Amino acid sequence: MSRNTSRRPSGSFKIAVVSAGQRNPSRTRTLALAIADAIGDRVKSETTVVDLSTLWKQIAVLASPSDADQDVRAAFDAVEDADLLVTASPIFKASYTGAFKHFFDLFAPDALVAKHVILAATGGSERHSLALEHNFRPLFSFFAAHTLPTTVYAVDSDIVDGAYIVESVAQRIAKVADEAALILRQRDQYDLANVAAVAS
């Protein structure tokens, strides 16, 4: 897959939301967007949404990203070019969905090295929350990505009418958004310092 190497403006960050929610409206997508919005309240950012529910038919038949159509290739590029990923999936049988796994299976092993990743999920029971640690985090560790320490998990009753998120989940969203904003600001300062060093 080709990587977009265009330079972003200082202080502006690219966020890619990857949602594997399958319903419309999707609680999983609602949760992921709430996280991206919270980060956007803290740092200047642009969000691109990769909705796997609308791309799944094209993705399911792919054995290689080189065979992807324009829409799927744009999704791959958005993920590779992002400064930070917000990844979210419903929990089915104690893990992420097949669509979520297959999408990331198509990336080269070095495509997400050092990428900042937020892990989020929705499920029918609190018992499934540990899937974020047992399944999601190892997946991105394989890619040598940097997963943020705080994860966000919500049960069905935490999200009402596809929009409202209860206070306990909102607090975790705020916490991970604070972590993400700090990391992005530090990255920006590091990039600016490097540019100044090269210019001098």
N, C-alpha and C. Protein backbone atom coordinates (compact mmCIF):
# COMPACT_ATOMS: atom_id res chain seq x y z
N MET A 1 0.84 -1.20 0.00
CA MET A 1 0.00 0.00 0.00
C MET A 1 0.87 1.24 0.00
N SER A 2 0.45 2.24 -0.73
CA SER A 2 1.21 3.48 -0.76
C SER A 2 0.93 4.28 0.49
N ARG A 3 1.94 4.97 0.97
CA ARG A 3 1.80 5.79 2.17
C ARG A 3 1.79 7.26 1.77
N ASN A 4 0.83 8.01 2.30
CA ASN A 4 0.76 9.44 2.04
C ASN A 4 1.80 10.13 2.91
N THR A 5 2.76 10.76 2.28
CA THR A 5 3.84 11.38 3.04
C THR A 5 3.71 12.90 3.08
N SER A 6 2.54 13.43 2.76
CA SER A 6 2.35 14.88 2.78
C SER A 6 2.52 15.40 4.20
N ARG A 7 3.15 16.56 4.34
CA ARG A 7 3.41 17.13 5.66
C ARG A 7 2.14 17.82 6.18
N ARG A 8 1.78 17.50 7.41
CA ARG A 8 0.62 18.15 8.01
C ARG A 8 1.05 19.49 8.60
N PRO A 9 0.14 20.45 8.69
CA PRO A 9 0.47 21.72 9.33
C PRO A 9 0.79 21.51 10.79
N SER A 10 1.70 22.29 11.34
CA SER A 10 2.06 22.17 12.75
C SER A 10 0.82 22.39 13.62
N GLY A 11 0.64 21.50 14.59
CA GLY A 11 -0.48 21.63 15.51
C GLY A 11 -1.78 21.05 15.01
N SER A 12 -1.81 20.50 13.79
CA SER A 12 -3.01 19.87 13.26
C SER A 12 -2.73 18.38 13.08
N PHE A 13 -3.63 17.53 13.57
CA PHE A 13 -3.38 16.10 13.58
C PHE A 13 -4.48 15.35 12.83
N LYS A 14 -4.08 14.24 12.23
CA LYS A 14 -5.02 13.40 11.50
C LYS A 14 -5.41 12.21 12.37
N ILE A 15 -6.71 12.07 12.57
CA ILE A 15 -7.26 10.94 13.32
C ILE A 15 -8.06 10.07 12.36
N ALA A 16 -7.82 8.76 12.41
CA ALA A 16 -8.62 7.82 11.64
C ALA A 16 -9.42 6.97 12.62
N VAL A 17 -10.72 6.95 12.45
CA VAL A 17 -11.62 6.12 13.25
C VAL A 17 -11.94 4.87 12.44
N VAL A 18 -11.62 3.71 13.00
CA VAL A 18 -11.97 2.44 12.36
C VAL A 18 -13.06 1.79 13.20
N SER A 19 -14.26 1.73 12.65
CA SER A 19 -15.40 1.19 13.37
C SER A 19 -15.90 -0.08 12.69
N ALA A 20 -16.04 -1.15 13.49
CA ALA A 20 -16.56 -2.41 12.95
C ALA A 20 -18.01 -2.63 13.37
N GLY A 21 -18.68 -1.58 13.81
CA GLY A 21 -20.09 -1.70 14.16
C GLY A 21 -20.92 -2.15 12.97
N GLN A 22 -21.93 -2.98 13.22
CA GLN A 22 -22.68 -3.57 12.12
C GLN A 22 -24.12 -3.09 12.02
N ARG A 23 -24.56 -2.32 13.00
CA ARG A 23 -25.94 -1.83 12.98
C ARG A 23 -25.98 -0.38 12.55
N ASN A 24 -27.18 0.10 12.25
CA ASN A 24 -27.38 1.50 11.90
C ASN A 24 -28.63 2.00 12.61
N PRO A 25 -28.50 2.84 13.65
CA PRO A 25 -27.25 3.44 14.12
C PRO A 25 -26.40 2.43 14.87
N SER A 26 -25.10 2.68 14.90
CA SER A 26 -24.15 1.77 15.50
C SER A 26 -23.65 2.33 16.83
N ARG A 27 -23.80 1.56 17.90
CA ARG A 27 -23.26 2.00 19.19
C ARG A 27 -21.74 2.06 19.15
N THR A 28 -21.15 1.14 18.42
CA THR A 28 -19.69 1.11 18.31
C THR A 28 -19.17 2.36 17.61
N ARG A 29 -19.82 2.74 16.53
CA ARG A 29 -19.42 3.95 15.81
C ARG A 29 -19.63 5.19 16.70
N THR A 30 -20.75 5.21 17.42
CA THR A 30 -21.04 6.33 18.33
C THR A 30 -19.93 6.49 19.36
N LEU A 31 -19.50 5.36 19.94
CA LEU A 31 -18.44 5.39 20.94
C LEU A 31 -17.13 5.89 20.33
N ALA A 32 -16.76 5.37 19.17
CA ALA A 32 -15.50 5.77 18.53
C ALA A 32 -15.50 7.25 18.17
N LEU A 33 -16.61 7.74 17.66
CA LEU A 33 -16.68 9.15 17.29
C LEU A 33 -16.67 10.05 18.52
N ALA A 34 -17.26 9.59 19.61
CA ALA A 34 -17.21 10.37 20.85
C ALA A 34 -15.77 10.53 21.32
N ILE A 35 -14.96 9.49 21.17
CA ILE A 35 -13.55 9.57 21.53
C ILE A 35 -12.82 10.55 20.62
N ALA A 36 -13.05 10.44 19.32
CA ALA A 36 -12.40 11.36 18.37
C ALA A 36 -12.82 12.80 18.62
N ASP A 37 -14.10 13.01 18.93
CA ASP A 37 -14.58 14.37 19.20
C ASP A 37 -13.92 14.94 20.46
N ALA A 38 -13.75 14.08 21.47
CA ALA A 38 -13.12 14.54 22.72
C ALA A 38 -11.67 14.94 22.47
N ILE A 39 -10.98 14.19 21.62
CA ILE A 39 -9.61 14.57 21.27
C ILE A 39 -9.62 15.89 20.50
N GLY A 40 -10.59 16.05 19.60
CA GLY A 40 -10.71 17.28 18.84
C GLY A 40 -11.01 18.49 19.69
N ASP A 41 -11.60 18.28 20.87
CA ASP A 41 -11.83 19.38 21.81
C ASP A 41 -10.53 19.84 22.47
N ARG A 42 -9.51 18.99 22.40
CA ARG A 42 -8.24 19.26 23.10
C ARG A 42 -7.12 19.69 22.17
N VAL A 43 -7.12 19.17 20.94
CA VAL A 43 -6.10 19.54 19.96
C VAL A 43 -6.77 19.71 18.60
N LYS A 44 -6.17 20.51 17.75
CA LYS A 44 -6.70 20.70 16.41
C LYS A 44 -6.50 19.42 15.62
N SER A 45 -7.59 18.91 15.04
CA SER A 45 -7.49 17.63 14.35
C SER A 45 -8.54 17.51 13.26
N GLU A 46 -8.28 16.59 12.35
CA GLU A 46 -9.23 16.22 11.30
C GLU A 46 -9.48 14.72 11.41
N THR A 47 -10.75 14.33 11.37
CA THR A 47 -11.11 12.92 11.56
C THR A 47 -11.65 12.32 10.27
N THR A 48 -11.12 11.16 9.92
CA THR A 48 -11.63 10.36 8.82
C THR A 48 -12.20 9.08 9.38
N VAL A 49 -13.42 8.72 8.98
CA VAL A 49 -14.08 7.53 9.49
C VAL A 49 -13.98 6.40 8.48
N VAL A 50 -13.46 5.28 8.93
CA VAL A 50 -13.45 4.05 8.13
C VAL A 50 -14.53 3.15 8.72
N ASP A 51 -15.66 3.07 8.05
CA ASP A 51 -16.80 2.30 8.54
C ASP A 51 -16.78 0.94 7.84
N LEU A 52 -16.37 -0.08 8.57
CA LEU A 52 -16.21 -1.40 7.96
C LEU A 52 -17.55 -2.01 7.55
N SER A 53 -18.65 -1.55 8.13
CA SER A 53 -19.95 -2.09 7.74
C SER A 53 -20.29 -1.76 6.29
N THR A 54 -19.78 -0.63 5.80
CA THR A 54 -20.06 -0.24 4.42
C THR A 54 -19.01 -0.76 3.45
N LEU A 55 -17.87 -1.21 3.96
CA LEU A 55 -16.78 -1.68 3.10
C LEU A 55 -16.59 -3.18 3.16
N TRP A 56 -17.34 -3.86 4.02
CA TRP A 56 -17.04 -5.26 4.30
C TRP A 56 -17.12 -6.14 3.06
N LYS A 57 -18.08 -5.94 2.18
CA LYS A 57 -18.21 -6.81 1.01
C LYS A 57 -16.98 -6.72 0.12
N GLN A 58 -16.41 -5.50 -0.01
CA GLN A 58 -15.19 -5.36 -0.81
C GLN A 58 -13.98 -5.95 -0.08
N ILE A 59 -13.92 -5.75 1.24
CA ILE A 59 -12.77 -6.21 2.01
C ILE A 59 -12.75 -7.73 2.13
N ALA A 60 -13.92 -8.34 2.27
CA ALA A 60 -14.00 -9.77 2.55
C ALA A 60 -13.37 -10.63 1.47
N VAL A 61 -13.40 -10.17 0.23
CA VAL A 61 -12.88 -10.98 -0.88
C VAL A 61 -11.41 -10.69 -1.18
N LEU A 62 -10.81 -9.75 -0.44
CA LEU A 62 -9.43 -9.37 -0.73
C LEU A 62 -8.45 -10.35 -0.10
N ALA A 63 -7.48 -10.77 -0.91
CA ALA A 63 -6.35 -11.53 -0.40
C ALA A 63 -5.12 -10.65 -0.31
N SER A 64 -5.16 -9.52 -1.02
CA SER A 64 -4.03 -8.59 -1.04
C SER A 64 -4.58 -7.17 -1.18
N PRO A 65 -3.97 -6.20 -0.51
CA PRO A 65 -4.42 -4.81 -0.66
C PRO A 65 -4.24 -4.27 -2.06
N SER A 66 -3.36 -4.89 -2.84
CA SER A 66 -3.15 -4.43 -4.21
C SER A 66 -4.38 -4.62 -5.08
N ASP A 67 -5.30 -5.48 -4.63
CA ASP A 67 -6.53 -5.73 -5.38
C ASP A 67 -7.69 -4.84 -4.94
N ALA A 68 -7.45 -3.94 -4.00
CA ALA A 68 -8.52 -3.13 -3.43
C ALA A 68 -9.05 -2.11 -4.42
N ASP A 69 -10.36 -1.82 -4.31
CA ASP A 69 -10.94 -0.77 -5.13
C ASP A 69 -10.63 0.59 -4.51
N GLN A 70 -11.10 1.65 -5.14
CA GLN A 70 -10.73 3.00 -4.71
C GLN A 70 -11.18 3.30 -3.29
N ASP A 71 -12.39 2.88 -2.91
CA ASP A 71 -12.90 3.18 -1.57
C ASP A 71 -12.09 2.47 -0.50
N VAL A 72 -11.76 1.21 -0.73
CA VAL A 72 -11.00 0.45 0.26
C VAL A 72 -9.57 0.96 0.33
N ARG A 73 -8.99 1.30 -0.79
CA ARG A 73 -7.63 1.84 -0.79
C ARG A 73 -7.60 3.17 -0.01
N ALA A 74 -8.63 3.97 -0.16
CA ALA A 74 -8.70 5.22 0.60
C ALA A 74 -8.75 4.94 2.10
N ALA A 75 -9.43 3.86 2.49
CA ALA A 75 -9.49 3.48 3.90
C ALA A 75 -8.11 3.06 4.39
N PHE A 76 -7.40 2.26 3.61
CA PHE A 76 -6.04 1.86 3.98
C PHE A 76 -5.14 3.09 4.13
N ASP A 77 -5.23 3.99 3.17
CA ASP A 77 -4.37 5.19 3.20
C ASP A 77 -4.69 6.06 4.42
N ALA A 78 -5.98 6.17 4.75
CA ALA A 78 -6.37 6.99 5.91
C ALA A 78 -5.76 6.44 7.19
N VAL A 79 -5.73 5.14 7.32
CA VAL A 79 -5.16 4.51 8.52
C VAL A 79 -3.66 4.71 8.55
N GLU A 80 -2.99 4.47 7.44
CA GLU A 80 -1.53 4.58 7.41
C GLU A 80 -1.06 6.02 7.60
N ASP A 81 -1.85 6.98 7.13
CA ASP A 81 -1.44 8.38 7.17
C ASP A 81 -1.82 9.07 8.48
N ALA A 82 -2.62 8.40 9.31
CA ALA A 82 -3.12 9.04 10.53
C ALA A 82 -2.02 9.19 11.57
N ASP A 83 -2.13 10.26 12.34
CA ASP A 83 -1.27 10.42 13.51
C ASP A 83 -1.74 9.54 14.66
N LEU A 84 -3.05 9.26 14.67
CA LEU A 84 -3.62 8.46 15.74
C LEU A 84 -4.83 7.70 15.22
N LEU A 85 -4.98 6.44 15.66
CA LEU A 85 -6.14 5.63 15.30
C LEU A 85 -7.06 5.47 16.50
N VAL A 86 -8.35 5.57 16.25
CA VAL A 86 -9.36 5.16 17.23
C VAL A 86 -10.01 3.92 16.65
N THR A 87 -9.75 2.77 17.27
CA THR A 87 -10.26 1.50 16.74
C THR A 87 -11.35 0.98 17.66
N ALA A 88 -12.44 0.52 17.07
CA ALA A 88 -13.57 0.06 17.88
C ALA A 88 -14.30 -1.08 17.18
N SER A 89 -14.67 -2.07 17.97
CA SER A 89 -15.40 -3.22 17.43
C SER A 89 -16.40 -3.72 18.47
N PRO A 90 -17.52 -4.25 18.01
CA PRO A 90 -18.36 -5.01 18.94
C PRO A 90 -17.61 -6.27 19.36
N ILE A 91 -17.93 -6.79 20.53
CA ILE A 91 -17.34 -8.04 20.98
C ILE A 91 -18.28 -9.18 20.62
N PHE A 92 -17.78 -10.11 19.81
CA PHE A 92 -18.51 -11.32 19.47
C PHE A 92 -17.68 -12.52 19.92
N LYS A 93 -18.26 -13.38 20.75
CA LYS A 93 -17.58 -14.58 21.23
C LYS A 93 -16.21 -14.24 21.80
N ALA A 94 -16.19 -13.21 22.64
CA ALA A 94 -15.01 -12.81 23.42
C ALA A 94 -13.90 -12.18 22.60
N SER A 95 -14.20 -11.70 21.39
CA SER A 95 -13.15 -11.06 20.60
C SER A 95 -13.77 -10.06 19.63
N TYR A 96 -12.89 -9.41 18.83
CA TYR A 96 -13.35 -8.47 17.82
C TYR A 96 -14.01 -9.22 16.67
N THR A 97 -14.67 -8.49 15.79
CA THR A 97 -15.38 -9.12 14.68
C THR A 97 -14.40 -9.61 13.61
N GLY A 98 -14.88 -10.49 12.77
CA GLY A 98 -14.07 -10.97 11.66
C GLY A 98 -13.71 -9.86 10.69
N ALA A 99 -14.63 -8.91 10.50
CA ALA A 99 -14.35 -7.79 9.59
C ALA A 99 -13.19 -6.96 10.12
N PHE A 100 -13.18 -6.71 11.42
CA PHE A 100 -12.11 -5.93 12.05
C PHE A 100 -10.77 -6.64 11.86
N LYS A 101 -10.73 -7.95 12.15
CA LYS A 101 -9.48 -8.71 12.05
C LYS A 101 -9.00 -8.77 10.61
N HIS A 102 -9.90 -9.05 9.67
CA HIS A 102 -9.48 -9.19 8.28
C HIS A 102 -8.97 -7.87 7.72
N PHE A 103 -9.60 -6.77 8.11
CA PHE A 103 -9.13 -5.47 7.64
C PHE A 103 -7.68 -5.25 8.03
N PHE A 104 -7.36 -5.49 9.29
CA PHE A 104 -5.98 -5.27 9.72
C PHE A 104 -5.04 -6.37 9.25
N ASP A 105 -5.56 -7.56 8.95
CA ASP A 105 -4.72 -8.61 8.37
C ASP A 105 -4.14 -8.19 7.03
N LEU A 106 -4.79 -7.27 6.34
CA LEU A 106 -4.35 -6.86 5.01
C LEU A 106 -3.20 -5.86 5.04
N PHE A 107 -2.88 -5.32 6.21
CA PHE A 107 -1.77 -4.38 6.31
C PHE A 107 -0.45 -5.11 6.40
N ALA A 108 0.59 -4.53 5.81
CA ALA A 108 1.94 -5.08 5.93
C ALA A 108 2.37 -5.02 7.39
N PRO A 109 3.22 -5.96 7.82
CA PRO A 109 3.64 -6.00 9.23
C PRO A 109 4.26 -4.70 9.74
N ASP A 110 4.87 -3.92 8.84
CA ASP A 110 5.52 -2.67 9.28
C ASP A 110 4.69 -1.43 9.00
N ALA A 111 3.42 -1.61 8.63
CA ALA A 111 2.60 -0.47 8.22
C ALA A 111 2.19 0.43 9.37
N LEU A 112 2.14 -0.12 10.58
CA LEU A 112 1.62 0.64 11.72
C LEU A 112 2.67 0.81 12.82
N VAL A 113 3.93 0.67 12.48
CA VAL A 113 4.99 0.79 13.48
C VAL A 113 4.94 2.16 14.15
N ALA A 114 4.90 2.16 15.48
CA ALA A 114 4.88 3.37 16.31
C ALA A 114 3.59 4.20 16.14
N LYS A 115 2.59 3.66 15.47
CA LYS A 115 1.31 4.36 15.34
C LYS A 115 0.61 4.39 16.70
N HIS A 116 0.06 5.56 17.07
CA HIS A 116 -0.70 5.67 18.31
C HIS A 116 -2.11 5.13 18.10
N VAL A 117 -2.54 4.23 18.97
CA VAL A 117 -3.82 3.55 18.77
C VAL A 117 -4.63 3.55 20.07
N ILE A 118 -5.88 3.97 19.97
CA ILE A 118 -6.82 3.87 21.08
C ILE A 118 -7.71 2.66 20.84
N LEU A 119 -7.90 1.85 21.88
CA LEU A 119 -8.69 0.63 21.80
C LEU A 119 -10.04 0.84 22.45
N ALA A 120 -11.11 0.53 21.73
CA ALA A 120 -12.47 0.68 22.26
C ALA A 120 -13.33 -0.47 21.77
N ALA A 121 -14.37 -0.77 22.55
CA ALA A 121 -15.25 -1.87 22.17
C ALA A 121 -16.61 -1.69 22.83
N THR A 122 -17.60 -2.37 22.25
CA THR A 122 -18.93 -2.44 22.85
C THR A 122 -19.32 -3.90 22.98
N GLY A 123 -20.18 -4.18 23.95
CA GLY A 123 -20.62 -5.56 24.14
C GLY A 123 -21.86 -5.63 25.01
N GLY A 124 -22.40 -6.83 25.11
CA GLY A 124 -23.62 -7.01 25.86
C GLY A 124 -23.42 -7.19 27.34
N SER A 125 -22.16 -7.40 27.77
CA SER A 125 -21.89 -7.67 29.18
C SER A 125 -20.53 -7.13 29.56
N GLU A 126 -20.40 -6.72 30.81
CA GLU A 126 -19.10 -6.25 31.31
C GLU A 126 -18.05 -7.35 31.27
N ARG A 127 -18.48 -8.61 31.23
CA ARG A 127 -17.54 -9.73 31.22
C ARG A 127 -16.62 -9.69 29.99
N HIS A 128 -17.07 -9.04 28.93
CA HIS A 128 -16.29 -9.02 27.69
C HIS A 128 -15.26 -7.90 27.64
N SER A 129 -15.21 -7.06 28.65
CA SER A 129 -14.32 -5.90 28.59
C SER A 129 -12.84 -6.30 28.51
N LEU A 130 -12.48 -7.45 29.07
CA LEU A 130 -11.08 -7.87 29.05
C LEU A 130 -10.61 -8.27 27.66
N ALA A 131 -11.52 -8.39 26.71
CA ALA A 131 -11.10 -8.67 25.33
C ALA A 131 -10.19 -7.57 24.80
N LEU A 132 -10.36 -6.35 25.32
CA LEU A 132 -9.50 -5.26 24.88
C LEU A 132 -8.04 -5.54 25.24
N GLU A 133 -7.81 -6.17 26.39
CA GLU A 133 -6.45 -6.50 26.80
C GLU A 133 -5.97 -7.82 26.20
N HIS A 134 -6.86 -8.78 26.08
CA HIS A 134 -6.46 -10.12 25.66
C HIS A 134 -6.40 -10.30 24.15
N ASN A 135 -7.17 -9.49 23.40
CA ASN A 135 -7.24 -9.65 21.95
C ASN A 135 -6.79 -8.41 21.18
N PHE A 136 -7.37 -7.26 21.54
CA PHE A 136 -7.07 -6.03 20.80
C PHE A 136 -5.61 -5.61 20.97
N ARG A 137 -5.14 -5.54 22.22
CA ARG A 137 -3.80 -5.03 22.45
C ARG A 137 -2.72 -5.93 21.82
N PRO A 138 -2.83 -7.27 21.93
CA PRO A 138 -1.84 -8.11 21.25
C PRO A 138 -1.84 -7.94 19.73
N LEU A 139 -3.01 -7.71 19.14
CA LEU A 139 -3.07 -7.51 17.69
C LEU A 139 -2.20 -6.33 17.28
N PHE A 140 -2.32 -5.21 17.98
CA PHE A 140 -1.56 -4.03 17.60
C PHE A 140 -0.12 -4.11 18.09
N SER A 141 0.14 -4.92 19.09
CA SER A 141 1.53 -5.17 19.50
C SER A 141 2.28 -5.89 18.38
N PHE A 142 1.61 -6.77 17.66
CA PHE A 142 2.23 -7.43 16.52
C PHE A 142 2.77 -6.41 15.52
N PHE A 143 2.00 -5.33 15.31
CA PHE A 143 2.40 -4.29 14.37
C PHE A 143 3.41 -3.31 14.98
N ALA A 144 3.79 -3.52 16.23
CA ALA A 144 4.68 -2.59 16.95
C ALA A 144 4.06 -1.20 17.03
N ALA A 145 2.73 -1.16 17.12
CA ALA A 145 2.03 0.10 17.33
C ALA A 145 2.07 0.44 18.81
N HIS A 146 1.78 1.72 19.11
CA HIS A 146 1.75 2.18 20.50
C HIS A 146 0.30 2.31 20.94
N THR A 147 -0.19 1.33 21.70
CA THR A 147 -1.57 1.41 22.20
C THR A 147 -1.59 2.22 23.49
N LEU A 148 -2.53 3.15 23.58
CA LEU A 148 -2.64 3.99 24.76
C LEU A 148 -3.09 3.16 25.96
N PRO A 149 -2.65 3.51 27.16
CA PRO A 149 -2.96 2.66 28.33
C PRO A 149 -4.44 2.57 28.67
N THR A 150 -5.19 3.65 28.48
CA THR A 150 -6.61 3.62 28.82
C THR A 150 -7.42 3.10 27.64
N THR A 151 -8.27 2.11 27.93
CA THR A 151 -9.20 1.60 26.93
C THR A 151 -10.61 2.06 27.29
N VAL A 152 -11.53 1.97 26.32
CA VAL A 152 -12.91 2.39 26.57
C VAL A 152 -13.85 1.27 26.15
N TYR A 153 -14.63 0.80 27.10
CA TYR A 153 -15.59 -0.27 26.84
C TYR A 153 -16.97 0.19 27.29
N ALA A 154 -17.97 -0.12 26.47
CA ALA A 154 -19.34 0.26 26.81
C ALA A 154 -20.28 -0.90 26.55
N VAL A 155 -21.19 -1.15 27.46
CA VAL A 155 -22.24 -2.14 27.23
C VAL A 155 -23.39 -1.45 26.51
N ASP A 156 -24.31 -2.25 26.00
CA ASP A 156 -25.39 -1.70 25.19
C ASP A 156 -26.18 -0.62 25.92
N SER A 157 -26.41 -0.80 27.21
CA SER A 157 -27.23 0.15 27.96
C SER A 157 -26.51 1.47 28.25
N ASP A 158 -25.19 1.53 27.97
CA ASP A 158 -24.44 2.77 28.20
C ASP A 158 -24.70 3.81 27.11
N ILE A 159 -25.20 3.36 25.96
CA ILE A 159 -25.42 4.25 24.82
C ILE A 159 -26.90 4.19 24.47
N VAL A 160 -27.55 5.32 24.52
CA VAL A 160 -29.00 5.39 24.33
C VAL A 160 -29.32 6.18 23.07
N ASP A 161 -30.22 5.63 22.25
CA ASP A 161 -30.68 6.30 21.03
C ASP A 161 -29.51 6.65 20.10
N GLY A 162 -28.48 5.85 20.13
CA GLY A 162 -27.36 6.06 19.23
C GLY A 162 -26.55 7.31 19.50
N ALA A 163 -26.74 7.93 20.67
CA ALA A 163 -26.04 9.20 20.90
C ALA A 163 -25.54 9.36 22.33
N TYR A 164 -26.37 9.14 23.32
CA TYR A 164 -26.02 9.50 24.69
C TYR A 164 -25.11 8.45 25.32
N ILE A 165 -24.04 8.89 25.96
CA ILE A 165 -23.11 8.01 26.64
C ILE A 165 -23.12 8.33 28.12
N VAL A 166 -23.26 7.32 28.96
CA VAL A 166 -23.39 7.53 30.40
C VAL A 166 -22.09 8.08 30.98
N GLU A 167 -22.20 8.64 32.19
CA GLU A 167 -21.09 9.38 32.79
C GLU A 167 -19.85 8.52 33.00
N SER A 168 -20.01 7.26 33.40
CA SER A 168 -18.85 6.42 33.67
C SER A 168 -18.02 6.19 32.40
N VAL A 169 -18.70 6.03 31.28
CA VAL A 169 -17.99 5.87 30.00
C VAL A 169 -17.41 7.21 29.56
N ALA A 170 -18.16 8.28 29.78
CA ALA A 170 -17.67 9.61 29.41
C ALA A 170 -16.38 9.95 30.15
N GLN A 171 -16.26 9.49 31.38
CA GLN A 171 -15.04 9.75 32.15
C GLN A 171 -13.84 9.04 31.54
N ARG A 172 -14.05 7.81 31.07
CA ARG A 172 -12.95 7.09 30.44
C ARG A 172 -12.59 7.71 29.09
N ILE A 173 -13.61 8.20 28.38
CA ILE A 173 -13.34 8.91 27.12
C ILE A 173 -12.49 10.14 27.39
N ALA A 174 -12.85 10.89 28.43
CA ALA A 174 -12.08 12.08 28.76
C ALA A 174 -10.64 11.73 29.13
N LYS A 175 -10.47 10.63 29.85
CA LYS A 175 -9.13 10.22 30.28
C LYS A 175 -8.26 9.85 29.08
N VAL A 176 -8.80 9.04 28.17
CA VAL A 176 -7.99 8.63 27.03
C VAL A 176 -7.77 9.79 26.07
N ALA A 177 -8.73 10.72 26.01
CA ALA A 177 -8.54 11.90 25.17
C ALA A 177 -7.43 12.78 25.72
N ASP A 178 -7.34 12.89 27.04
CA ASP A 178 -6.23 13.63 27.66
C ASP A 178 -4.89 12.97 27.32
N GLU A 179 -4.84 11.64 27.40
CA GLU A 179 -3.62 10.92 27.07
C GLU A 179 -3.23 11.16 25.61
N ALA A 180 -4.21 11.08 24.72
CA ALA A 180 -3.94 11.26 23.30
C ALA A 180 -3.46 12.67 23.00
N ALA A 181 -4.11 13.66 23.59
CA ALA A 181 -3.71 15.06 23.35
C ALA A 181 -2.29 15.31 23.81
N LEU A 182 -1.93 14.76 24.96
CA LEU A 182 -0.57 14.92 25.47
C LEU A 182 0.44 14.29 24.52
N ILE A 183 0.16 13.09 24.06
CA ILE A 183 1.07 12.40 23.14
C ILE A 183 1.22 13.17 21.83
N LEU A 184 0.12 13.65 21.30
CA LEU A 184 0.17 14.38 20.03
C LEU A 184 0.92 15.70 20.16
N ARG A 185 0.70 16.40 21.26
CA ARG A 185 1.44 17.66 21.47
C ARG A 185 2.93 17.39 21.60
N GLN A 186 3.30 16.35 22.33
CA GLN A 186 4.71 16.01 22.48
C GLN A 186 5.32 15.62 21.14
N ARG A 187 4.56 14.91 20.34
CA ARG A 187 5.04 14.53 19.01
C ARG A 187 5.26 15.77 18.15
N ASP A 188 4.32 16.70 18.23
CA ASP A 188 4.44 17.92 17.43
C ASP A 188 5.68 18.72 17.84
N GLN A 189 5.91 18.81 19.13
CA GLN A 189 7.09 19.54 19.62
C GLN A 189 8.37 18.85 19.16
N TYR A 190 8.37 17.52 19.17
CA TYR A 190 9.54 16.76 18.71
C TYR A 190 9.78 17.00 17.23
N ASP A 191 8.71 16.99 16.43
CA ASP A 191 8.83 17.22 14.98
C ASP A 191 9.37 18.61 14.71
N LEU A 192 8.85 19.62 15.43
CA LEU A 192 9.31 20.98 15.22
C LEU A 192 10.77 21.14 15.61
N ALA A 193 11.18 20.47 16.69
CA ALA A 193 12.57 20.54 17.11
C ALA A 193 13.50 19.92 16.06
N ASN A 194 13.07 18.83 15.45
CA ASN A 194 13.85 18.19 14.40
C ASN A 194 13.98 19.07 13.17
N VAL A 195 12.85 19.71 12.80
CA VAL A 195 12.88 20.61 11.64
C VAL A 195 13.83 21.77 11.90
N ALA A 196 13.79 22.33 13.12
CA ALA A 196 14.68 23.45 13.47
C ALA A 196 16.14 23.01 13.45
N ALA A 197 16.39 21.77 13.91
CA ALA A 197 17.76 21.27 13.94
C ALA A 197 18.30 21.10 12.52
N VAL A 198 17.46 20.58 11.63
CA VAL A 198 17.89 20.40 10.24
C VAL A 198 18.10 21.75 9.57
N ALA A 199 17.21 22.71 9.84
CA ALA A 199 17.32 24.03 9.22
C ALA A 199 18.57 24.77 9.67
N SER A 200 19.02 24.52 10.90
CA SER A 200 20.20 25.22 11.39
C SER A 200 21.48 24.57 10.88
